[in-house]
């Protein structure tokens, strides 16, 4: 099995650090990745580049999980991944970026707009995707959701 690249390990560590309370610092990421700060700076010369790479990684990971040529299956995967909390693991990172440099979220905003556009092409699909988004935003912000299985409801709407 191939060993993960140091760059990937640093991004993995950045996600872990972002989940903890406090500021996402280069020192904290380097320590979590088990590399020197110089090693981190070799791959990401400054914090902004690390944050941009982190946003790109989060978008790419989600796209990989949901991509499918059939629109309904794609939407089913979108709902499943969202309900499973794919976004929850990224919450700290995205909130950090949103608070410090909202313009860095442009790739995420553009991808979400593409997903919405795709869903709008199929009757009833946009509503399901927007409901899944609302669930994810609630998770992201720590807003309690009523104790019902929204994932099952959204899955049923796709049937």
N, C-alpha and C. Protein backbone atom coordinates (compact mmCIF):
# COMPACT_ATOMS: atom_id res chain seq x y z
N UNK A 1 0.85 -1.18 0.00
CA UNK A 1 0.00 0.00 0.00
C UNK A 1 0.89 1.24 0.00
N UNK A 2 0.64 2.19 -0.92
CA UNK A 2 1.50 3.37 -0.98
C UNK A 2 1.33 4.25 0.25
N UNK A 3 2.41 4.86 0.64
CA UNK A 3 2.41 5.77 1.78
C UNK A 3 1.80 7.11 1.37
N UNK A 4 0.91 7.70 2.20
CA UNK A 4 0.32 8.98 1.81
C UNK A 4 1.41 10.05 1.73
N UNK A 5 1.21 10.97 0.83
CA UNK A 5 2.18 12.05 0.67
C UNK A 5 2.19 12.93 1.92
N UNK A 6 3.32 13.61 2.09
CA UNK A 6 3.43 14.50 3.24
C UNK A 6 2.41 15.64 3.13
N UNK A 7 2.17 16.10 1.91
CA UNK A 7 1.19 17.17 1.70
C UNK A 7 -0.20 16.71 2.15
N UNK A 8 -0.57 15.48 1.79
CA UNK A 8 -1.87 14.93 2.21
C UNK A 8 -1.91 14.78 3.72
N UNK A 9 -0.81 14.32 4.31
CA UNK A 9 -0.76 14.15 5.76
C UNK A 9 -0.92 15.50 6.47
N UNK A 10 -0.35 16.53 5.90
CA UNK A 10 -0.48 17.87 6.49
C UNK A 10 -1.92 18.34 6.41
N UNK A 11 -2.58 18.10 5.28
CA UNK A 11 -3.99 18.50 5.16
C UNK A 11 -4.87 17.68 6.10
N UNK A 12 -4.57 16.39 6.25
CA UNK A 12 -5.30 15.56 7.22
C UNK A 12 -5.14 16.14 8.62
N UNK A 13 -3.91 16.52 8.96
CA UNK A 13 -3.65 17.10 10.28
C UNK A 13 -4.37 18.43 10.45
N UNK A 14 -4.40 19.23 9.39
CA UNK A 14 -5.09 20.52 9.46
C UNK A 14 -6.58 20.32 9.74
N UNK A 15 -7.17 19.28 9.14
CA UNK A 15 -8.58 18.98 9.43
C UNK A 15 -8.77 18.61 10.89
N UNK A 16 -7.85 17.81 11.42
CA UNK A 16 -7.93 17.42 12.83
C UNK A 16 -7.81 18.65 13.75
N UNK A 17 -6.86 19.51 13.44
CA UNK A 17 -6.66 20.72 14.25
C UNK A 17 -7.89 21.62 14.17
N UNK A 18 -8.47 21.72 12.99
CA UNK A 18 -9.65 22.58 12.80
C UNK A 18 -10.85 22.10 13.60
N UNK A 19 -10.90 20.82 13.91
CA UNK A 19 -12.02 20.27 14.70
C UNK A 19 -11.93 20.65 16.17
N UNK A 20 -10.74 21.03 16.61
CA UNK A 20 -10.55 21.39 18.02
C UNK A 20 -10.85 22.87 18.24
N UNK A 21 -11.24 23.21 19.46
CA UNK A 21 -11.43 24.63 19.76
C UNK A 21 -10.09 25.36 19.65
N UNK A 22 -10.15 26.61 19.29
CA UNK A 22 -8.94 27.41 19.17
C UNK A 22 -8.60 27.68 17.72
N UNK A 23 -7.56 28.43 17.54
CA UNK A 23 -7.15 28.89 16.20
C UNK A 23 -6.33 27.82 15.49
N UNK A 24 -6.55 27.70 14.20
CA UNK A 24 -5.79 26.79 13.38
C UNK A 24 -4.46 27.48 13.05
N UNK A 25 -3.41 27.06 13.71
CA UNK A 25 -2.10 27.69 13.51
C UNK A 25 -1.18 26.73 12.75
N UNK A 26 -0.18 27.31 12.10
CA UNK A 26 0.80 26.48 11.40
C UNK A 26 1.56 25.59 12.38
N UNK A 27 1.88 26.12 13.55
CA UNK A 27 2.58 25.32 14.56
C UNK A 27 1.74 24.12 14.98
N UNK A 28 0.44 24.35 15.21
CA UNK A 28 -0.44 23.25 15.63
C UNK A 28 -0.57 22.20 14.53
N UNK A 29 -0.67 22.65 13.29
CA UNK A 29 -0.80 21.72 12.16
C UNK A 29 0.50 20.93 12.00
N UNK A 30 1.63 21.60 12.08
CA UNK A 30 2.93 20.90 11.94
C UNK A 30 3.06 19.84 13.02
N UNK A 31 2.72 20.19 14.25
CA UNK A 31 2.82 19.23 15.36
C UNK A 31 1.89 18.04 15.12
N UNK A 32 0.66 18.31 14.70
CA UNK A 32 -0.30 17.23 14.46
C UNK A 32 0.13 16.34 13.30
N UNK A 33 0.82 16.91 12.32
CA UNK A 33 1.27 16.15 11.16
C UNK A 33 2.58 15.43 11.42
N UNK A 34 3.23 15.79 12.52
CA UNK A 34 4.52 15.18 12.83
C UNK A 34 5.63 15.65 11.92
N UNK A 35 5.53 16.90 11.48
CA UNK A 35 6.57 17.48 10.63
C UNK A 35 7.05 18.77 11.29
N UNK A 36 8.21 19.21 10.87
CA UNK A 36 8.70 20.50 11.36
C UNK A 36 7.90 21.61 10.71
N UNK A 37 7.94 22.79 11.30
CA UNK A 37 7.25 23.92 10.70
C UNK A 37 7.85 24.19 9.32
N UNK A 38 9.17 24.02 9.19
CA UNK A 38 9.82 24.19 7.89
C UNK A 38 9.30 23.20 6.86
N UNK A 39 9.05 21.96 7.30
CA UNK A 39 8.49 20.95 6.41
C UNK A 39 7.10 21.34 5.94
N UNK A 40 6.31 21.89 6.85
CA UNK A 40 4.98 22.35 6.49
C UNK A 40 5.09 23.51 5.50
N UNK A 41 5.98 24.46 5.79
CA UNK A 41 6.13 25.64 4.94
C UNK A 41 6.68 25.28 3.55
N UNK A 42 7.38 24.17 3.44
CA UNK A 42 7.84 23.72 2.13
C UNK A 42 6.65 23.44 1.22
N UNK A 43 5.61 22.83 1.77
CA UNK A 43 4.42 22.48 1.00
C UNK A 43 3.40 23.61 0.93
N UNK A 44 3.30 24.37 2.02
CA UNK A 44 2.34 25.46 2.12
C UNK A 44 3.08 26.68 2.67
N UNK A 45 3.59 27.54 1.80
CA UNK A 45 4.46 28.65 2.23
C UNK A 45 3.83 29.64 3.22
N UNK A 46 2.50 29.64 3.33
CA UNK A 46 1.85 30.50 4.31
C UNK A 46 0.49 29.91 4.67
N UNK A 47 -0.11 30.48 5.69
CA UNK A 47 -1.38 29.97 6.21
C UNK A 47 -2.50 30.07 5.17
N UNK A 48 -2.50 31.15 4.40
CA UNK A 48 -3.53 31.31 3.37
C UNK A 48 -3.49 30.16 2.37
N UNK A 49 -2.30 29.76 1.95
CA UNK A 49 -2.21 28.66 0.98
C UNK A 49 -2.66 27.34 1.61
N UNK A 50 -2.38 27.18 2.89
CA UNK A 50 -2.85 25.98 3.58
C UNK A 50 -4.38 25.98 3.62
N UNK A 51 -4.98 27.11 3.96
CA UNK A 51 -6.44 27.18 4.04
C UNK A 51 -7.08 26.99 2.67
N UNK A 52 -6.50 27.57 1.63
CA UNK A 52 -7.03 27.39 0.27
C UNK A 52 -6.96 25.91 -0.13
N UNK A 53 -5.84 25.27 0.18
CA UNK A 53 -5.69 23.85 -0.14
C UNK A 53 -6.68 23.01 0.65
N UNK A 54 -6.95 23.41 1.87
CA UNK A 54 -7.90 22.69 2.71
C UNK A 54 -9.31 22.78 2.14
N UNK A 55 -9.71 23.96 1.70
CA UNK A 55 -11.03 24.12 1.08
C UNK A 55 -11.12 23.28 -0.19
N UNK A 56 -10.08 23.33 -1.03
CA UNK A 56 -10.07 22.54 -2.26
C UNK A 56 -10.18 21.05 -1.95
N UNK A 57 -9.46 20.62 -0.94
CA UNK A 57 -9.49 19.20 -0.54
C UNK A 57 -10.89 18.79 -0.09
N UNK A 58 -11.53 19.64 0.71
CA UNK A 58 -12.87 19.32 1.20
C UNK A 58 -13.87 19.22 0.05
N UNK A 59 -13.78 20.15 -0.89
CA UNK A 59 -14.67 20.11 -2.05
C UNK A 59 -14.40 18.84 -2.86
N UNK A 60 -13.14 18.57 -3.15
CA UNK A 60 -12.79 17.38 -3.94
C UNK A 60 -13.24 16.09 -3.26
N UNK A 61 -13.05 16.00 -1.95
CA UNK A 61 -13.48 14.80 -1.22
C UNK A 61 -14.98 14.58 -1.33
N UNK A 62 -15.75 15.65 -1.19
CA UNK A 62 -17.20 15.52 -1.26
C UNK A 62 -17.64 15.16 -2.68
N UNK A 63 -17.04 15.81 -3.67
CA UNK A 63 -17.36 15.50 -5.07
C UNK A 63 -17.12 14.02 -5.35
N UNK A 64 -15.99 13.51 -4.88
CA UNK A 64 -15.64 12.11 -5.09
C UNK A 64 -16.70 11.18 -4.48
N UNK A 65 -17.21 11.55 -3.32
CA UNK A 65 -18.19 10.69 -2.65
C UNK A 65 -19.55 10.68 -3.33
N UNK A 66 -19.91 11.76 -3.98
CA UNK A 66 -21.28 11.84 -4.50
C UNK A 66 -21.39 11.68 -6.01
N UNK A 67 -20.30 11.81 -6.72
CA UNK A 67 -20.39 11.83 -8.19
C UNK A 67 -21.02 10.56 -8.75
N UNK A 68 -21.95 10.78 -9.67
CA UNK A 68 -22.62 9.68 -10.37
C UNK A 68 -23.33 10.29 -11.58
N UNK A 69 -23.34 9.58 -12.73
CA UNK A 69 -23.97 10.16 -13.92
C UNK A 69 -25.49 10.28 -13.84
N UNK A 70 -26.13 9.40 -13.07
CA UNK A 70 -27.59 9.45 -12.93
C UNK A 70 -27.96 10.50 -11.90
N UNK A 71 -28.82 11.44 -12.27
CA UNK A 71 -29.16 12.56 -11.39
C UNK A 71 -29.78 12.12 -10.07
N UNK A 72 -30.68 11.16 -10.12
CA UNK A 72 -31.33 10.73 -8.87
C UNK A 72 -30.35 9.99 -7.96
N UNK A 73 -29.49 9.16 -8.53
CA UNK A 73 -28.48 8.48 -7.72
C UNK A 73 -27.48 9.49 -7.16
N UNK A 74 -27.11 10.46 -7.97
CA UNK A 74 -26.23 11.53 -7.49
C UNK A 74 -26.87 12.24 -6.30
N UNK A 75 -28.15 12.58 -6.41
CA UNK A 75 -28.85 13.26 -5.31
C UNK A 75 -28.95 12.36 -4.08
N UNK A 76 -29.19 11.06 -4.30
CA UNK A 76 -29.25 10.11 -3.19
C UNK A 76 -27.90 10.11 -2.45
N UNK A 77 -26.81 10.09 -3.20
CA UNK A 77 -25.48 10.13 -2.58
C UNK A 77 -25.24 11.46 -1.87
N UNK A 78 -25.74 12.53 -2.44
CA UNK A 78 -25.61 13.86 -1.84
C UNK A 78 -26.29 13.87 -0.47
N UNK A 79 -27.51 13.35 -0.44
CA UNK A 79 -28.27 13.30 0.82
C UNK A 79 -27.56 12.39 1.82
N UNK A 80 -27.15 11.21 1.38
CA UNK A 80 -26.50 10.26 2.27
C UNK A 80 -25.21 10.82 2.86
N UNK A 81 -24.38 11.41 2.01
CA UNK A 81 -23.11 11.96 2.48
C UNK A 81 -23.34 13.13 3.43
N UNK A 82 -24.32 13.96 3.11
CA UNK A 82 -24.62 15.10 3.97
C UNK A 82 -25.15 14.63 5.32
N UNK A 83 -26.09 13.70 5.29
CA UNK A 83 -26.67 13.19 6.53
C UNK A 83 -25.66 12.44 7.38
N UNK A 84 -24.70 11.80 6.71
CA UNK A 84 -23.67 11.05 7.45
C UNK A 84 -22.67 11.98 8.12
N UNK A 85 -22.79 13.25 7.82
CA UNK A 85 -21.93 14.21 8.49
C UNK A 85 -20.61 14.46 7.80
N UNK A 86 -20.55 14.25 6.49
CA UNK A 86 -19.31 14.54 5.76
C UNK A 86 -18.90 15.97 6.04
N UNK A 87 -19.87 16.86 6.04
CA UNK A 87 -19.55 18.27 6.28
C UNK A 87 -19.19 18.57 7.71
N UNK A 88 -19.66 17.76 8.65
CA UNK A 88 -19.40 18.04 10.06
C UNK A 88 -17.90 17.99 10.35
N UNK A 89 -17.21 17.02 9.77
CA UNK A 89 -15.78 16.92 9.98
C UNK A 89 -15.04 18.13 9.46
N UNK A 90 -15.62 18.78 8.48
CA UNK A 90 -15.00 19.95 7.87
C UNK A 90 -15.46 21.25 8.50
N UNK A 91 -16.40 21.17 9.42
CA UNK A 91 -17.00 22.38 9.99
C UNK A 91 -16.00 23.38 10.52
N UNK A 92 -15.09 22.90 11.34
CA UNK A 92 -14.11 23.81 11.93
C UNK A 92 -13.28 24.51 10.88
N UNK A 93 -12.85 23.75 9.89
CA UNK A 93 -12.03 24.34 8.82
C UNK A 93 -12.82 25.38 8.03
N UNK A 94 -14.05 25.04 7.67
CA UNK A 94 -14.84 25.96 6.88
C UNK A 94 -15.23 27.20 7.68
N UNK A 95 -15.56 27.02 8.94
CA UNK A 95 -15.89 28.18 9.76
C UNK A 95 -14.67 29.07 9.97
N UNK A 96 -13.50 28.46 10.12
CA UNK A 96 -12.26 29.23 10.24
C UNK A 96 -12.06 30.07 8.99
N UNK A 97 -12.18 29.43 7.85
CA UNK A 97 -11.98 30.15 6.59
C UNK A 97 -13.05 31.23 6.42
N UNK A 98 -14.30 30.91 6.71
CA UNK A 98 -15.38 31.88 6.55
C UNK A 98 -15.16 33.11 7.43
N UNK A 99 -14.67 32.89 8.64
CA UNK A 99 -14.46 34.00 9.56
C UNK A 99 -13.25 34.85 9.18
N UNK A 100 -12.19 34.21 8.71
CA UNK A 100 -10.94 34.91 8.47
C UNK A 100 -10.76 35.40 7.04
N UNK A 101 -11.25 34.66 6.10
CA UNK A 101 -11.03 35.01 4.69
C UNK A 101 -12.15 34.44 3.83
N UNK A 102 -13.34 35.02 3.92
CA UNK A 102 -14.49 34.46 3.22
C UNK A 102 -14.30 34.30 1.71
N UNK A 103 -13.44 35.11 1.12
CA UNK A 103 -13.21 34.97 -0.32
C UNK A 103 -12.58 33.62 -0.68
N UNK A 104 -11.93 32.98 0.29
CA UNK A 104 -11.33 31.67 0.04
C UNK A 104 -12.39 30.58 -0.14
N UNK A 105 -13.62 30.88 0.22
CA UNK A 105 -14.70 29.90 0.05
C UNK A 105 -15.30 29.94 -1.36
N UNK A 106 -14.75 30.78 -2.22
CA UNK A 106 -15.28 30.90 -3.59
C UNK A 106 -15.36 29.55 -4.30
N UNK A 107 -14.34 28.68 -4.21
CA UNK A 107 -14.48 27.37 -4.88
C UNK A 107 -15.64 26.54 -4.34
N UNK A 108 -15.87 26.60 -3.04
CA UNK A 108 -16.99 25.88 -2.44
C UNK A 108 -18.31 26.47 -2.92
N UNK A 109 -18.41 27.79 -2.90
CA UNK A 109 -19.64 28.44 -3.37
C UNK A 109 -19.93 28.08 -4.82
N UNK A 110 -18.89 28.09 -5.65
CA UNK A 110 -19.07 27.76 -7.07
C UNK A 110 -19.53 26.31 -7.24
N UNK A 111 -18.96 25.40 -6.46
CA UNK A 111 -19.35 23.99 -6.56
C UNK A 111 -20.79 23.81 -6.10
N UNK A 112 -21.17 24.45 -5.01
CA UNK A 112 -22.55 24.35 -4.53
C UNK A 112 -23.51 24.89 -5.59
N UNK A 113 -23.15 25.98 -6.24
CA UNK A 113 -24.00 26.54 -7.31
C UNK A 113 -24.14 25.53 -8.45
N UNK A 114 -23.07 24.82 -8.80
CA UNK A 114 -23.16 23.79 -9.86
C UNK A 114 -24.08 22.65 -9.42
N UNK A 115 -23.96 22.25 -8.16
CA UNK A 115 -24.85 21.19 -7.67
C UNK A 115 -26.31 21.63 -7.74
N UNK A 116 -26.58 22.85 -7.33
CA UNK A 116 -27.95 23.36 -7.35
C UNK A 116 -28.47 23.44 -8.79
N UNK A 117 -27.60 23.87 -9.70
CA UNK A 117 -27.99 23.94 -11.11
C UNK A 117 -28.34 22.56 -11.64
N UNK A 118 -27.52 21.58 -11.30
CA UNK A 118 -27.79 20.20 -11.74
C UNK A 118 -29.12 19.73 -11.18
N UNK A 119 -29.36 19.95 -9.91
CA UNK A 119 -30.59 19.51 -9.28
C UNK A 119 -31.81 20.22 -9.86
N UNK A 120 -31.64 21.48 -10.24
CA UNK A 120 -32.77 22.24 -10.78
C UNK A 120 -33.26 21.67 -12.10
N UNK A 121 -32.46 20.87 -12.77
CA UNK A 121 -32.85 20.28 -14.05
C UNK A 121 -33.77 19.09 -13.94
N UNK A 122 -34.03 18.62 -12.72
CA UNK A 122 -34.89 17.45 -12.52
C UNK A 122 -36.01 17.85 -11.55
N UNK A 123 -37.27 17.68 -11.97
CA UNK A 123 -38.38 18.09 -11.09
C UNK A 123 -38.27 17.46 -9.69
N UNK A 124 -38.38 18.32 -8.67
CA UNK A 124 -38.37 17.88 -7.28
C UNK A 124 -36.99 17.67 -6.68
N UNK A 125 -35.96 17.62 -7.50
CA UNK A 125 -34.62 17.32 -7.00
C UNK A 125 -33.99 18.49 -6.26
N UNK A 126 -34.21 19.70 -6.76
CA UNK A 126 -33.62 20.87 -6.10
C UNK A 126 -34.12 20.99 -4.66
N UNK A 127 -35.39 20.72 -4.45
CA UNK A 127 -35.94 20.81 -3.10
C UNK A 127 -35.26 19.82 -2.17
N UNK A 128 -34.99 18.62 -2.66
CA UNK A 128 -34.33 17.60 -1.84
C UNK A 128 -32.90 18.03 -1.52
N UNK A 129 -32.19 18.53 -2.52
CA UNK A 129 -30.80 18.97 -2.31
C UNK A 129 -30.75 20.16 -1.36
N UNK A 130 -31.67 21.10 -1.52
CA UNK A 130 -31.70 22.25 -0.60
C UNK A 130 -32.04 21.83 0.83
N UNK A 131 -32.90 20.84 0.97
CA UNK A 131 -33.21 20.32 2.31
C UNK A 131 -31.98 19.66 2.92
N UNK A 132 -31.22 18.91 2.10
CA UNK A 132 -29.98 18.30 2.59
C UNK A 132 -28.98 19.39 2.98
N UNK A 133 -28.92 20.45 2.18
CA UNK A 133 -28.05 21.59 2.52
C UNK A 133 -28.45 22.18 3.87
N UNK A 134 -29.75 22.34 4.08
CA UNK A 134 -30.22 22.92 5.35
C UNK A 134 -29.81 22.03 6.52
N UNK A 135 -29.87 20.73 6.33
CA UNK A 135 -29.43 19.80 7.37
C UNK A 135 -27.95 19.99 7.65
N UNK A 136 -27.15 20.10 6.58
CA UNK A 136 -25.71 20.29 6.75
C UNK A 136 -25.40 21.63 7.42
N UNK A 137 -26.09 22.69 7.00
CA UNK A 137 -25.85 24.00 7.63
C UNK A 137 -26.21 23.95 9.11
N UNK A 138 -27.27 23.24 9.44
CA UNK A 138 -27.64 23.09 10.85
C UNK A 138 -26.53 22.38 11.61
N UNK A 139 -25.99 21.30 11.03
CA UNK A 139 -24.89 20.58 11.66
C UNK A 139 -23.67 21.49 11.79
N UNK A 140 -23.38 22.23 10.74
CA UNK A 140 -22.23 23.12 10.71
C UNK A 140 -22.29 24.14 11.84
N UNK A 141 -23.47 24.67 12.08
CA UNK A 141 -23.65 25.72 13.08
C UNK A 141 -24.04 25.18 14.45
N UNK A 142 -24.20 23.86 14.55
CA UNK A 142 -24.56 23.27 15.84
C UNK A 142 -26.00 23.53 16.23
N UNK A 143 -26.85 23.75 15.25
CA UNK A 143 -28.27 23.99 15.51
C UNK A 143 -28.95 22.64 15.71
N UNK A 144 -29.64 22.44 16.83
CA UNK A 144 -30.31 21.15 17.03
C UNK A 144 -31.41 20.93 15.99
N UNK A 145 -31.48 19.71 15.51
CA UNK A 145 -32.49 19.34 14.53
C UNK A 145 -33.49 18.44 15.24
N UNK A 146 -34.79 18.58 14.96
CA UNK A 146 -35.78 17.72 15.62
C UNK A 146 -35.40 16.25 15.49
N UNK A 147 -35.76 15.47 16.47
CA UNK A 147 -35.39 14.05 16.52
C UNK A 147 -36.25 13.23 15.55
N UNK A 148 -36.09 13.49 14.28
CA UNK A 148 -36.72 12.69 13.23
C UNK A 148 -35.63 12.30 12.25
N UNK A 149 -35.85 11.25 11.52
CA UNK A 149 -34.85 10.79 10.56
C UNK A 149 -35.04 11.55 9.25
N UNK A 150 -34.45 12.74 9.19
CA UNK A 150 -34.58 13.56 7.98
C UNK A 150 -33.94 12.87 6.80
N UNK A 151 -32.90 12.15 7.02
CA UNK A 151 -32.24 11.45 5.93
C UNK A 151 -33.23 10.49 5.26
N UNK A 152 -33.97 9.75 6.05
CA UNK A 152 -34.95 8.80 5.51
C UNK A 152 -36.04 9.55 4.75
N UNK A 153 -36.47 10.68 5.28
CA UNK A 153 -37.49 11.48 4.59
C UNK A 153 -37.00 11.97 3.24
N UNK A 154 -35.74 12.41 3.21
CA UNK A 154 -35.18 12.89 1.94
C UNK A 154 -34.99 11.72 0.97
N UNK A 155 -34.56 10.58 1.47
CA UNK A 155 -34.41 9.39 0.63
C UNK A 155 -35.78 9.01 0.04
N UNK A 156 -36.83 9.08 0.85
CA UNK A 156 -38.16 8.73 0.38
C UNK A 156 -38.62 9.70 -0.72
N UNK A 157 -38.23 10.96 -0.59
CA UNK A 157 -38.60 11.95 -1.59
C UNK A 157 -37.94 11.66 -2.93
N UNK A 158 -36.83 10.94 -2.91
CA UNK A 158 -36.12 10.61 -4.15
C UNK A 158 -36.69 9.35 -4.82
N UNK A 159 -37.50 8.61 -4.10
CA UNK A 159 -38.04 7.35 -4.64
C UNK A 159 -39.07 7.59 -5.72
